Amino acid sequence: MHSGVVGCDQRIAWLLTTCRILGPDPVLARRDGFIKALAEKGVHVDSSRVSRWESGLQPLPMRVPATYESVLGAAEGSLVAVVAGLRRAFGNGTTPKDAAGREGDLSDGDVDRLMSLTESGRAHGGQWLRLAGQLNRYDRVYLRKRDWQDLCGQLVSELAASVGVGYVRRYEAAASLIRHPRAQRHLTRALGSFVTHPDTQVVAPVLNLLAEVTDEAAGDLVLRMLGSEHRDLRRAAASVAAVKVARGHFEAEALKQLEPHVVGSLRRGESLDGRLDFFDLAVQLPEDCWDRIQPAVRNRRAFDLVTRSRQGGELVPWTQTSTVVKEVASKVQAETPAHHPSEPDLMLHRLLRESLLHAHKARRHHAALLLAASPYAPAVSRHCLALAKQQNDLLAARAWTVLMRVGHGDRQDQVVLQAMAEPRASIRARALVNVGLMDVPLRPDEAQVLWSQLDGATKPVERQATMFALGMAGAAKVAELAKDESDWPGRSARWWLDQGPARHDPDVGGPADSQQLAPAR
């Protein structure tokens, strides 16, 4: 990621270029047609300016991705959020004033309207992103304590149930607010309250926000959660800890406190996929930490996996998977409509490889988000669904995880059928999470089949994934289960009734909200 050839700027340029030249409009695919469309929006640039934008040789202000969204008819913030996350995670970051992708303040009336929409739960992700960008323009923002609490509580609740680009945009809004001196305390409290609720069914999408905070209190909270009795909370905390270690958030004493958690996880006989979050943490530990814990890691296979990944940065040796990834990349490019013949897309190949097999979860995540925001997404989805049938457990699990990011297109029935038929418990759990992320409701008979497949021998991870699928789908089965007085399934079902089903942003797939564009620079 830090390479001068394939760093953040090159990936951002690739995203903008592919969205233009592989988009549905052949006129915009031509540079002259795109420049004319820009002029009609009030953005006057020449061919050399567009060439510089799409070269990857210089950092671009967020104004440029926002301009591409407007001209290409993408949902507001759909490119800006992906670019902001990539830059924040692996680049030099952005200034608060640049984060929103727009120049100039909103009017008081616009801010009032956005506040009303967000607090009432009627805002889409682009509006959350716009409000967060406006608030972040100022170091001092006055809101009543109750208003901060309502705003942050609503955002955290929506973050837990948002899907696709709706989640990406809300996450970037929350990542912006949690770094704001006035909002941070309120958002951190809302986050902590949500994930520590005894019946919470969704942890990681919210807890990930702690990776954006550098202060010692956030690190202490992550360390405490690593010792939780809640398995999902421990795993989510390990994932956050790996990111914080990679970003240098922990001091030496905190790093030492991480070591026994890593050793304990590597000693267990779980599959690599089952302990992937702790594996990521082991790979990210500094050399002196890893040297200290090596003698305690007596599981030879786990030791070899971590050692190899620390050296090569991938979950499995590239020689074992190169043929599969190359074949998928070739098919994805061939099946994505193009207006002109093109050379093999090496960045597509790299992003597929990283999204499936990179050792660091953050790298996998952001590679998948780039693919999801590109015109390649439908073909990537199609081939990942096929890859999810692989006999190789790790590759099948990774394919399902990439599907969570890129979506399911028109293959939602196939997703349900594959989830029902998958015999491997941990992989079936990932398939069931995908069922919960679909933007079409489950039929009552499908919900009943999913529930009837559970029995006394069902592993907790599969049981929770089934409840996630039903809860996110808003299945009527959840209300029936909520009447059960026992801890399971009653309390879990009642939590889903209170939380509500998945949030699918209504603006996704349509044009961005119209706003006056200032010249992009």
Protein backbone atom coordinates (compact mmCIF):
# COMPACT_ATOMS: atom_id res chain seq x y z
CA MET A 1 0.00 0.00 0.00
CA HIS A 2 2.87 2.33 0.72
CA SER A 3 4.56 1.54 -2.59
CA GLY A 4 5.15 4.49 -4.89
CA VAL A 5 3.46 2.50 -7.65
CA VAL A 6 0.31 1.22 -5.96
CA GLY A 7 -0.21 3.59 -3.06
CA CYS A 8 -3.36 5.44 -2.08
CA ASP A 9 -3.17 8.04 -4.84
CA GLN A 10 -2.85 5.38 -7.53
CA ARG A 11 -5.81 3.45 -6.17
CA ILE A 12 -7.95 6.56 -5.97
CA ALA A 13 -7.06 7.46 -9.55
CA TRP A 14 -7.87 3.90 -10.64
CA LEU A 15 -11.30 4.12 -9.00
CA LEU A 16 -12.17 7.42 -10.65
CA THR A 17 -10.90 6.29 -14.04
CA THR A 18 -12.72 2.95 -14.04
CA CYS A 19 -15.96 4.58 -12.89
CA ARG A 20 -15.73 6.92 -15.87
CA ILE A 21 -14.50 4.66 -18.68
CA LEU A 22 -16.49 1.56 -17.62
CA GLY A 23 -19.64 3.44 -16.67
CA PRO A 24 -22.86 2.99 -18.64
CA ASP A 25 -22.55 6.27 -20.58
CA PRO A 26 -20.23 5.95 -23.61
CA VAL A 27 -20.09 9.74 -23.95
CA LEU A 28 -18.61 10.17 -20.47
CA ALA A 29 -16.17 7.34 -21.16
CA ARG A 30 -14.52 9.66 -23.70
CA ARG A 31 -12.45 12.37 -22.10
CA ASP A 32 -13.90 15.11 -24.30
CA GLY A 33 -17.43 14.05 -23.41
CA PHE A 34 -16.56 14.04 -19.73
CA ILE A 35 -15.01 17.51 -19.93
CA LYS A 36 -18.16 18.80 -21.62
CA ALA A 37 -20.34 17.28 -18.90
CA LEU A 38 -18.12 18.92 -16.28
CA ALA A 39 -18.57 22.29 -17.96
CA GLU A 40 -22.35 21.85 -17.89
CA LYS A 41 -22.03 21.40 -14.12
CA GLY A 42 -20.01 24.59 -13.84
CA VAL A 43 -16.61 22.87 -13.58
CA HIS A 44 -14.31 24.16 -16.31
CA VAL A 45 -11.15 22.11 -16.79
CA ASP A 46 -9.04 21.00 -19.73
CA SER A 47 -7.86 17.57 -20.82
CA SER A 48 -4.53 17.89 -19.03
CA ARG A 49 -6.30 18.50 -15.70
CA VAL A 50 -8.40 15.35 -16.10
CA SER A 51 -5.26 13.47 -17.10
CA ARG A 52 -3.55 14.55 -13.88
CA TRP A 53 -6.59 13.52 -11.83
CA GLU A 54 -6.52 10.04 -13.36
CA SER A 55 -2.75 9.54 -13.34
CA GLY A 56 -2.31 8.86 -9.63
CA LEU A 57 0.82 11.00 -9.56
CA GLN A 58 -0.53 13.57 -7.11
CA PRO A 59 -2.95 13.65 -4.15
CA LEU A 60 -6.44 14.80 -5.08
CA PRO A 61 -8.65 17.02 -2.92
CA MET A 62 -11.93 15.36 -1.96
CA ARG A 63 -13.59 17.85 -4.22
CA VAL A 64 -12.53 15.76 -7.20
CA PRO A 65 -14.22 12.45 -6.18
CA ALA A 66 -17.32 14.50 -5.28
CA THR A 67 -17.27 16.00 -8.78
CA TYR A 68 -17.04 12.54 -10.37
CA GLU A 69 -20.02 11.43 -8.27
CA SER A 70 -22.11 14.30 -9.53
CA VAL A 71 -21.21 13.97 -13.21
CA LEU A 72 -21.44 10.16 -13.28
CA GLY A 73 -24.75 10.12 -11.39
CA ALA A 74 -23.40 8.17 -8.41
CA ALA A 75 -24.96 8.37 -4.95
CA GLU A 76 -23.69 11.26 -2.85
CA GLY A 77 -20.60 10.25 -0.91
CA SER A 78 -20.30 6.82 -2.52
CA LEU A 79 -16.83 7.60 -3.92
CA VAL A 80 -15.87 10.22 -1.34
CA ALA A 81 -16.41 7.79 1.56
CA VAL A 82 -14.31 5.04 -0.02
CA VAL A 83 -11.51 7.48 -0.84
CA ALA A 84 -11.62 9.06 2.64
CA GLY A 85 -11.41 5.67 4.34
CA LEU A 86 -8.51 4.53 2.20
CA ARG A 87 -6.59 7.74 2.75
CA ARG A 88 -7.24 7.75 6.48
CA ALA A 89 -6.17 4.12 6.89
CA PHE A 90 -3.06 4.05 4.73
CA GLY A 91 -2.24 7.50 3.42
CA ASN A 92 -1.39 10.82 4.96
CA GLY A 93 -5.00 11.50 5.91
CA THR A 94 -7.10 14.53 5.02
CA THR A 95 -7.71 17.83 6.70
CA PRO A 96 -11.13 18.24 8.35
CA LYS A 97 -12.16 20.87 5.82
CA ASP A 98 -11.37 18.50 2.96
CA ALA A 99 -13.16 15.50 4.40
CA ALA A 100 -16.66 16.42 3.24
CA GLY A 101 -15.65 16.83 -0.38
CA ARG A 102 -17.37 20.20 -0.74
CA GLU A 103 -16.24 23.78 -0.45
CA GLY A 104 -18.17 26.41 1.45
CA ASP A 105 -20.37 26.17 4.51
CA LEU A 106 -23.95 24.98 4.49
CA SER A 107 -26.59 27.51 5.39
CA ASP A 108 -28.22 27.44 8.82
CA GLY A 109 -31.36 26.12 7.18
CA ASP A 110 -29.44 23.27 5.51
CA VAL A 111 -27.85 22.30 8.82
CA ASP A 112 -31.23 22.38 10.59
CA ARG A 113 -32.69 20.17 7.87
CA LEU A 114 -29.83 17.68 8.14
CA MET A 115 -30.08 17.61 11.93
CA SER A 116 -33.79 16.87 11.71
CA LEU A 117 -33.27 14.12 9.15
CA THR A 118 -30.48 12.41 11.08
CA GLU A 119 -32.08 12.57 14.51
CA SER A 120 -35.36 11.19 13.15
CA GLY A 121 -33.66 8.31 11.36
CA ARG A 122 -34.71 9.52 7.89
CA ALA A 123 -31.23 10.51 6.62
CA HIS A 124 -29.32 8.43 4.08
CA GLY A 125 -25.59 7.92 4.38
CA GLY A 126 -24.73 10.82 2.10
CA GLN A 127 -26.60 13.22 4.36
CA TRP A 128 -24.84 11.86 7.44
CA LEU A 129 -21.53 12.38 5.66
CA ARG A 130 -22.48 15.93 4.69
CA LEU A 131 -23.49 16.84 8.25
CA ALA A 132 -20.33 15.33 9.75
CA GLY A 133 -18.22 17.25 7.25
CA GLN A 134 -19.96 20.49 8.16
CA LEU A 135 -19.49 19.94 11.91
CA ASN A 136 -15.85 19.05 11.39
CA ARG A 137 -15.10 22.39 9.76
CA TYR A 138 -14.99 23.92 13.23
CA ASP A 139 -13.06 22.98 16.36
CA ARG A 140 -15.81 24.40 18.54
CA VAL A 141 -19.39 23.38 17.82
CA TYR A 142 -22.17 24.04 20.30
CA LEU A 143 -24.98 21.55 20.64
CA ARG A 144 -26.90 20.81 23.78
CA LYS A 145 -25.73 17.66 25.57
CA ARG A 146 -29.02 15.96 24.78
CA ASP A 147 -28.65 16.82 21.09
CA TRP A 148 -25.13 15.34 20.98
CA GLN A 149 -26.38 12.20 22.72
CA ASP A 150 -29.36 11.78 20.40
CA LEU A 151 -27.25 12.41 17.30
CA CYS A 152 -24.47 10.00 18.27
CA GLY A 153 -26.85 7.34 19.55
CA GLN A 154 -28.80 7.41 16.30
CA LEU A 155 -25.64 7.17 14.20
CA VAL A 156 -24.28 4.20 16.16
CA SER A 157 -27.61 2.38 15.94
CA GLU A 158 -27.82 2.96 12.18
CA LEU A 159 -24.20 1.93 11.73
CA ALA A 160 -24.95 -1.49 13.20
CA ALA A 161 -27.69 -2.20 10.67
CA SER A 162 -26.58 -0.35 7.53
CA VAL A 163 -25.66 -2.27 4.41
CA GLY A 164 -23.25 -1.66 1.55
CA VAL A 165 -22.47 1.92 0.62
CA GLY A 166 -24.91 3.04 3.30
CA TYR A 167 -22.61 1.53 5.91
CA VAL A 168 -19.44 2.92 4.30
CA ARG A 169 -20.83 6.45 4.27
CA ARG A 170 -22.11 6.29 7.86
CA TYR A 171 -18.82 4.82 9.02
CA GLU A 172 -16.89 7.70 7.46
CA ALA A 173 -19.29 10.16 9.09
CA ALA A 174 -18.75 8.47 12.45
CA ALA A 175 -14.97 8.29 11.93
CA SER A 176 -15.00 12.02 11.28
CA LEU A 177 -17.10 12.79 14.37
CA ILE A 178 -15.18 10.54 16.74
CA ARG A 179 -12.05 12.59 16.05
CA HIS A 180 -13.87 15.87 16.70
CA PRO A 181 -13.00 17.39 20.10
CA ARG A 182 -16.65 18.12 20.91
CA ALA A 183 -18.26 14.98 19.50
CA GLN A 184 -15.70 12.39 20.57
CA ARG A 185 -16.86 11.93 24.16
CA HIS A 186 -20.50 11.55 23.16
CA LEU A 187 -19.84 9.16 20.28
CA THR A 188 -17.47 7.02 22.36
CA ARG A 189 -20.09 6.71 25.09
CA ALA A 190 -22.78 5.79 22.57
CA LEU A 191 -20.43 3.19 21.09
CA GLY A 192 -19.55 1.72 24.48
CA SER A 193 -23.17 1.58 25.56
CA PHE A 194 -24.15 -0.21 22.36
CA VAL A 195 -21.46 -2.91 22.30
CA THR A 196 -21.57 -3.67 26.04
CA HIS A 197 -25.34 -4.20 26.13
CA PRO A 198 -25.71 -7.83 27.30
CA ASP A 199 -27.96 -8.77 24.38
CA THR A 200 -26.17 -6.94 21.56
CA GLN A 201 -26.08 -9.07 18.41
CA VAL A 202 -23.88 -6.81 16.23
CA VAL A 203 -20.49 -5.75 17.55
CA ALA A 204 -17.70 -5.37 14.98
CA PRO A 205 -19.28 -2.74 12.66
CA VAL A 206 -19.55 -0.38 15.63
CA LEU A 207 -16.48 -1.31 17.66
CA ASN A 208 -14.24 -0.69 14.63
CA LEU A 209 -14.59 3.02 15.35
CA LEU A 210 -12.18 2.68 18.27
CA ALA A 211 -9.43 2.16 15.69
CA GLU A 212 -9.89 5.81 14.70
CA VAL A 213 -9.11 7.13 18.19
CA THR A 214 -5.50 7.48 19.32
CA ASP A 215 -6.03 8.37 22.97
CA GLU A 216 -5.10 6.01 25.79
CA ALA A 217 -8.68 5.60 27.02
CA ALA A 218 -9.72 4.02 23.70
CA GLY A 219 -6.78 1.63 23.90
CA ASP A 220 -7.69 0.67 27.47
CA LEU A 221 -11.26 -0.06 26.38
CA VAL A 222 -10.01 -2.36 23.63
CA LEU A 223 -7.73 -4.18 26.10
CA ARG A 224 -10.63 -4.70 28.52
CA MET A 225 -12.83 -6.09 25.76
CA LEU A 226 -10.13 -8.60 24.80
CA GLY A 227 -10.82 -10.22 28.16
CA SER A 228 -14.60 -10.28 27.71
CA GLU A 229 -16.58 -13.49 28.14
CA HIS A 230 -18.42 -12.56 24.95
CA ARG A 231 -16.65 -14.42 22.10
CA ASP A 232 -17.72 -11.99 19.38
CA LEU A 233 -16.65 -9.02 21.47
CA ARG A 234 -13.20 -10.60 21.99
CA ARG A 235 -12.78 -11.19 18.26
CA ALA A 236 -13.94 -7.71 17.34
CA ALA A 237 -11.57 -6.23 19.93
CA ALA A 238 -8.69 -8.27 18.47
CA SER A 239 -9.47 -6.90 15.02
CA VAL A 240 -9.49 -3.32 16.33
CA ALA A 241 -6.29 -3.95 18.28
CA ALA A 242 -4.54 -5.17 15.11
CA VAL A 243 -5.41 -1.92 13.34
CA LYS A 244 -4.33 0.17 16.31
CA VAL A 245 -1.01 -1.70 16.51
CA ALA A 246 -0.43 -1.14 12.80
CA ARG A 247 -1.14 2.57 13.25
CA GLY A 248 1.15 2.87 16.28
CA HIS A 249 -1.59 3.70 18.80
CA PHE A 250 -0.29 1.48 21.62
CA GLU A 251 2.61 2.27 23.93
CA ALA A 252 5.07 -0.44 25.02
CA GLU A 253 3.15 -1.38 28.20
CA ALA A 254 -0.13 -1.79 26.31
CA LEU A 255 1.61 -3.94 23.69
CA LYS A 256 2.81 -6.27 26.45
CA GLN A 257 -0.79 -6.63 27.65
CA LEU A 258 -1.77 -7.81 24.17
CA GLU A 259 0.76 -10.63 24.12
CA PRO A 260 -1.03 -13.18 26.37
CA HIS A 261 -4.24 -12.76 24.36
CA VAL A 262 -2.36 -13.58 21.17
CA VAL A 263 -0.65 -16.61 22.74
CA GLY A 264 -3.93 -17.93 24.10
CA SER A 265 -5.60 -17.68 20.73
CA LEU A 266 -2.74 -19.31 18.80
CA ARG A 267 -2.71 -22.22 21.23
CA ARG A 268 -6.30 -23.10 20.46
CA GLY A 269 -6.98 -25.66 17.77
CA GLU A 270 -9.41 -23.56 15.75
CA SER A 271 -9.13 -23.24 11.98
CA LEU A 272 -7.26 -20.26 10.58
CA ASP A 273 -10.57 -18.70 9.53
CA GLY A 274 -11.97 -19.12 13.03
CA ARG A 275 -9.15 -17.17 14.67
CA LEU A 276 -8.38 -14.77 11.84
CA ASP A 277 -8.73 -11.62 13.98
CA PHE A 278 -6.16 -12.80 16.53
CA PHE A 279 -3.98 -14.06 13.70
CA ASP A 280 -4.04 -10.54 12.23
CA LEU A 281 -3.04 -9.15 15.63
CA ALA A 282 -0.11 -11.59 15.83
CA VAL A 283 1.06 -10.55 12.36
CA GLN A 284 0.93 -6.83 13.26
CA LEU A 285 2.84 -7.10 16.55
CA PRO A 286 6.25 -5.38 16.56
CA GLU A 287 9.30 -7.64 16.25
CA ASP A 288 10.25 -7.43 19.93
CA CYS A 289 6.74 -8.51 20.98
CA TRP A 290 6.74 -11.42 18.56
CA ASP A 291 10.21 -12.49 19.73
CA ARG A 292 8.98 -12.57 23.32
CA ILE A 293 5.93 -14.74 22.68
CA GLN A 294 7.44 -17.17 20.16
CA PRO A 295 8.54 -19.72 22.80
CA ALA A 296 4.99 -19.84 24.19
CA VAL A 297 3.41 -20.60 20.79
CA ARG A 298 3.63 -24.39 20.83
CA ASN A 299 1.15 -24.94 18.02
CA ARG A 300 3.63 -25.45 15.18
CA ARG A 301 1.10 -24.87 12.40
CA ALA A 302 -0.04 -21.58 13.93
CA PHE A 303 3.56 -20.50 14.46
CA ASP A 304 4.46 -21.25 10.83
CA LEU A 305 1.38 -19.42 9.52
CA VAL A 306 2.14 -16.26 11.49
CA THR A 307 5.85 -16.34 10.62
CA ARG A 308 5.14 -16.73 6.91
CA SER A 309 2.49 -13.99 6.91
CA ARG A 310 4.76 -11.60 8.80
CA GLN A 311 7.29 -12.08 6.02
CA GLY A 312 5.05 -12.23 2.95
CA GLY A 313 1.89 -10.41 4.05
CA GLU A 314 -0.55 -13.08 2.80
CA LEU A 315 -2.65 -15.74 4.49
CA VAL A 316 -1.40 -18.53 2.25
CA PRO A 317 1.59 -18.75 -0.11
CA TRP A 318 0.91 -16.96 -3.38
CA THR A 319 1.98 -20.05 -5.35
CA GLN A 320 -1.04 -21.92 -3.96
CA THR A 321 -3.64 -19.37 -5.04
CA SER A 322 -2.17 -17.41 -7.95
CA THR A 323 -3.91 -19.52 -10.60
CA VAL A 324 -7.32 -19.06 -8.98
CA VAL A 325 -6.95 -15.28 -8.54
CA LYS A 326 -5.60 -14.77 -12.06
CA GLU A 327 -8.50 -16.74 -13.52
CA VAL A 328 -11.07 -14.75 -11.52
CA ALA A 329 -9.48 -11.41 -12.48
CA SER A 330 -9.46 -12.35 -16.15
CA LYS A 331 -13.12 -13.39 -16.10
CA VAL A 332 -14.21 -10.32 -14.12
CA GLN A 333 -12.59 -7.97 -16.61
CA ALA A 334 -13.93 -9.89 -19.62
CA GLU A 335 -17.49 -9.88 -18.25
CA THR A 336 -17.55 -6.18 -17.31
CA PRO A 337 -19.01 -4.13 -20.20
CA ALA A 338 -16.47 -1.78 -21.77
CA HIS A 339 -16.81 0.82 -24.51
CA HIS A 340 -13.31 0.22 -25.85
CA PRO A 341 -10.81 -2.67 -25.84
CA SER A 342 -8.33 -2.46 -22.98
CA GLU A 343 -5.21 -4.10 -21.63
CA PRO A 344 -5.39 -6.46 -18.63
CA ASP A 345 -6.22 -4.43 -15.52
CA LEU A 346 -3.33 -5.10 -13.14
CA MET A 347 -4.92 -3.06 -10.35
CA LEU A 348 -8.05 -5.23 -10.54
CA HIS A 349 -5.84 -8.28 -10.15
CA ARG A 350 -4.05 -6.75 -7.16
CA LEU A 351 -7.28 -5.72 -5.42
CA LEU A 352 -8.83 -9.16 -5.86
CA ARG A 353 -5.70 -10.75 -4.44
CA GLU A 354 -5.63 -8.39 -1.45
CA SER A 355 -9.36 -8.57 -0.71
CA LEU A 356 -9.21 -12.36 -0.59
CA LEU A 357 -5.84 -13.16 0.89
CA HIS A 358 -3.97 -10.28 2.48
CA ALA A 359 -2.92 -11.01 6.08
CA HIS A 360 -4.09 -7.62 7.42
CA LYS A 361 -7.86 -7.29 7.73
CA ALA A 362 -7.79 -3.56 7.04
CA ARG A 363 -6.06 -4.17 3.71
CA ARG A 364 -8.61 -6.83 2.77
CA HIS A 365 -11.46 -4.53 3.77
CA HIS A 366 -10.37 -1.47 1.81
CA ALA A 367 -9.43 -3.49 -1.27
CA ALA A 368 -12.94 -4.96 -1.26
CA LEU A 369 -14.50 -1.50 -0.84
CA LEU A 370 -12.62 -0.23 -3.88
CA LEU A 371 -13.94 -3.16 -5.91
CA ALA A 372 -17.46 -2.58 -4.56
CA ALA A 373 -17.38 1.08 -5.67
CA SER A 374 -16.12 0.20 -9.15
CA PRO A 375 -18.03 -1.01 -12.22
CA TYR A 376 -16.38 -4.41 -11.69
CA ALA A 377 -18.58 -5.08 -8.64
CA PRO A 378 -21.30 -7.17 -10.38
CA ALA A 379 -18.77 -9.52 -11.98
CA VAL A 380 -16.73 -9.74 -8.77
CA SER A 381 -19.90 -10.68 -6.92
CA ARG A 382 -20.76 -13.36 -9.45
CA HIS A 383 -17.35 -15.02 -9.27
CA CYS A 384 -17.02 -14.76 -5.50
CA LEU A 385 -20.31 -16.59 -5.16
CA ALA A 386 -18.86 -19.36 -7.32
CA LEU A 387 -15.61 -19.27 -5.33
CA ALA A 388 -17.60 -19.71 -2.11
CA LYS A 389 -18.21 -23.33 -3.18
CA GLN A 390 -14.47 -24.06 -3.08
CA GLN A 391 -13.38 -27.13 -1.12
CA ASN A 392 -10.60 -25.00 0.37
CA ASP A 393 -12.28 -23.75 3.54
CA LEU A 394 -10.23 -20.58 3.84
CA LEU A 395 -10.79 -19.51 0.24
CA ALA A 396 -14.53 -20.23 0.50
CA ALA A 397 -14.80 -18.21 3.71
CA ARG A 398 -12.84 -15.33 2.23
CA ALA A 399 -15.08 -15.30 -0.87
CA TRP A 400 -18.20 -14.98 1.31
CA THR A 401 -16.56 -12.11 3.18
CA VAL A 402 -15.75 -10.22 -0.03
CA LEU A 403 -19.40 -10.73 -1.03
CA MET A 404 -20.42 -8.86 2.13
CA ARG A 405 -18.64 -5.81 0.69
CA VAL A 406 -19.48 -6.00 -3.02
CA GLY A 407 -23.11 -7.08 -2.71
CA HIS A 408 -25.12 -9.81 -4.42
CA GLY A 409 -26.58 -8.19 -7.52
CA ASP A 410 -29.41 -10.24 -8.97
CA ARG A 411 -28.23 -13.51 -7.41
CA GLN A 412 -30.01 -13.17 -4.08
CA ASP A 413 -32.00 -16.38 -4.49
CA GLN A 414 -28.74 -18.22 -5.14
CA VAL A 415 -27.22 -16.74 -1.96
CA VAL A 416 -30.09 -18.14 0.11
CA LEU A 417 -29.88 -21.55 -1.55
CA GLN A 418 -26.11 -21.78 -1.07
CA ALA A 419 -26.45 -20.75 2.57
CA MET A 420 -29.03 -23.47 3.16
CA ALA A 421 -26.91 -26.10 1.41
CA GLU A 422 -23.49 -25.23 2.89
CA PRO A 423 -22.49 -28.08 5.25
CA ARG A 424 -19.42 -26.41 6.87
CA ALA A 425 -20.56 -24.59 10.03
CA SER A 426 -18.11 -21.65 10.06
CA ILE A 427 -18.52 -21.05 6.32
CA ARG A 428 -22.27 -21.39 6.54
CA ALA A 429 -22.22 -18.70 9.22
CA ARG A 430 -20.60 -16.28 6.75
CA ALA A 431 -23.15 -17.28 4.13
CA LEU A 432 -25.96 -16.52 6.57
CA VAL A 433 -24.51 -13.08 7.27
CA ASN A 434 -24.73 -12.46 3.53
CA VAL A 435 -28.41 -13.48 3.64
CA GLY A 436 -28.95 -10.78 6.25
CA LEU A 437 -27.28 -8.18 4.02
CA MET A 438 -29.54 -8.77 1.01
CA ASP A 439 -31.81 -5.95 -0.11
CA VAL A 440 -34.81 -8.22 -0.72
CA PRO A 441 -36.81 -9.69 2.18
CA LEU A 442 -36.69 -13.35 3.10
CA ARG A 443 -39.85 -15.27 2.31
CA PRO A 444 -41.55 -16.82 5.36
CA ASP A 445 -40.78 -20.32 4.08
CA GLU A 446 -37.08 -19.45 3.66
CA ALA A 447 -36.92 -18.03 7.17
CA GLN A 448 -38.54 -21.20 8.52
CA VAL A 449 -36.04 -23.43 6.69
CA LEU A 450 -33.09 -21.46 8.05
CA TRP A 451 -34.43 -21.74 11.58
CA SER A 452 -35.31 -25.43 11.28
CA GLN A 453 -31.72 -26.25 10.32
CA LEU A 454 -30.60 -25.40 13.85
CA ASP A 455 -30.42 -28.18 16.44
CA GLY A 456 -28.72 -28.99 19.70
CA ALA A 457 -25.39 -29.61 17.96
CA THR A 458 -25.34 -26.29 16.10
CA LYS A 459 -22.28 -24.19 16.92
CA PRO A 460 -22.86 -20.75 18.48
CA VAL A 461 -21.36 -18.94 15.47
CA GLU A 462 -23.92 -20.52 13.15
CA ARG A 463 -26.77 -19.96 15.59
CA GLN A 464 -25.96 -16.26 15.92
CA ALA A 465 -25.56 -15.88 12.15
CA THR A 466 -29.02 -17.38 11.64
CA MET A 467 -30.52 -14.86 14.05
CA PHE A 468 -28.59 -12.11 12.24
CA ALA A 469 -30.08 -13.20 8.91
CA LEU A 470 -33.60 -13.22 10.32
CA GLY A 471 -33.19 -9.96 12.25
CA MET A 472 -31.64 -7.99 9.40
CA ALA A 473 -34.30 -9.31 7.04
CA GLY A 474 -37.04 -8.21 9.43
CA ALA A 475 -38.52 -11.71 9.21
CA ALA A 476 -41.84 -12.29 10.97
CA LYS A 477 -40.15 -15.30 12.57
CA VAL A 478 -38.26 -12.91 14.88
CA ALA A 479 -41.47 -11.67 16.52
CA GLU A 480 -42.51 -15.28 17.07
CA LEU A 481 -39.14 -16.14 18.66
CA ALA A 482 -39.25 -13.02 20.85
CA LYS A 483 -42.14 -14.57 22.80
CA ASP A 484 -39.78 -17.25 24.11
CA GLU A 485 -38.92 -16.48 27.74
CA SER A 486 -35.54 -18.21 27.67
CA ASP A 487 -32.22 -16.47 27.06
CA TRP A 488 -32.03 -18.13 23.68
CA PRO A 489 -33.70 -17.38 21.40
CA GLY A 490 -35.95 -14.96 23.29
CA ARG A 491 -33.53 -12.26 24.41
CA SER A 492 -31.68 -12.22 21.10
CA ALA A 493 -34.91 -11.94 19.14
CA ARG A 494 -36.19 -9.15 21.38
CA TRP A 495 -32.95 -7.22 20.79
CA TRP A 496 -33.56 -7.45 17.05
CA LEU A 497 -37.14 -6.26 17.45
CA ASP A 498 -35.85 -3.21 19.30
CA GLN A 499 -33.00 -2.61 16.84
CA GLY A 500 -35.05 -3.08 13.69
CA PRO A 501 -34.09 -4.59 10.33
CA ALA A 502 -31.29 -3.67 7.93
CA ARG A 503 -31.10 -0.12 6.57
CA HIS A 504 -30.85 0.11 2.79
CA ASP A 505 -30.27 3.70 1.69
CA PRO A 506 -32.94 4.86 -0.79
CA ASP A 507 -30.54 7.06 -2.77
CA VAL A 508 -28.09 4.29 -3.70
CA GLY A 509 -28.21 3.61 -7.41
CA GLY A 510 -29.73 7.00 -8.19
CA PRO A 511 -28.14 10.34 -8.89
CA ALA A 512 -26.53 12.30 -6.09
CA ASP A 513 -28.44 15.09 -4.45
CA SER A 514 -28.11 18.15 -6.62
CA GLN A 515 -25.84 20.82 -5.18
CA GLN A 516 -23.99 23.70 -6.76
CA LEU A 517 -20.49 22.60 -7.74
CA ALA A 518 -17.50 24.85 -7.31
CA PRO A 519 -14.53 24.22 -9.62
CA ALA A 520 -12.61 21.09 -8.62
CA ARG A 521 -8.91 21.56 -8.11
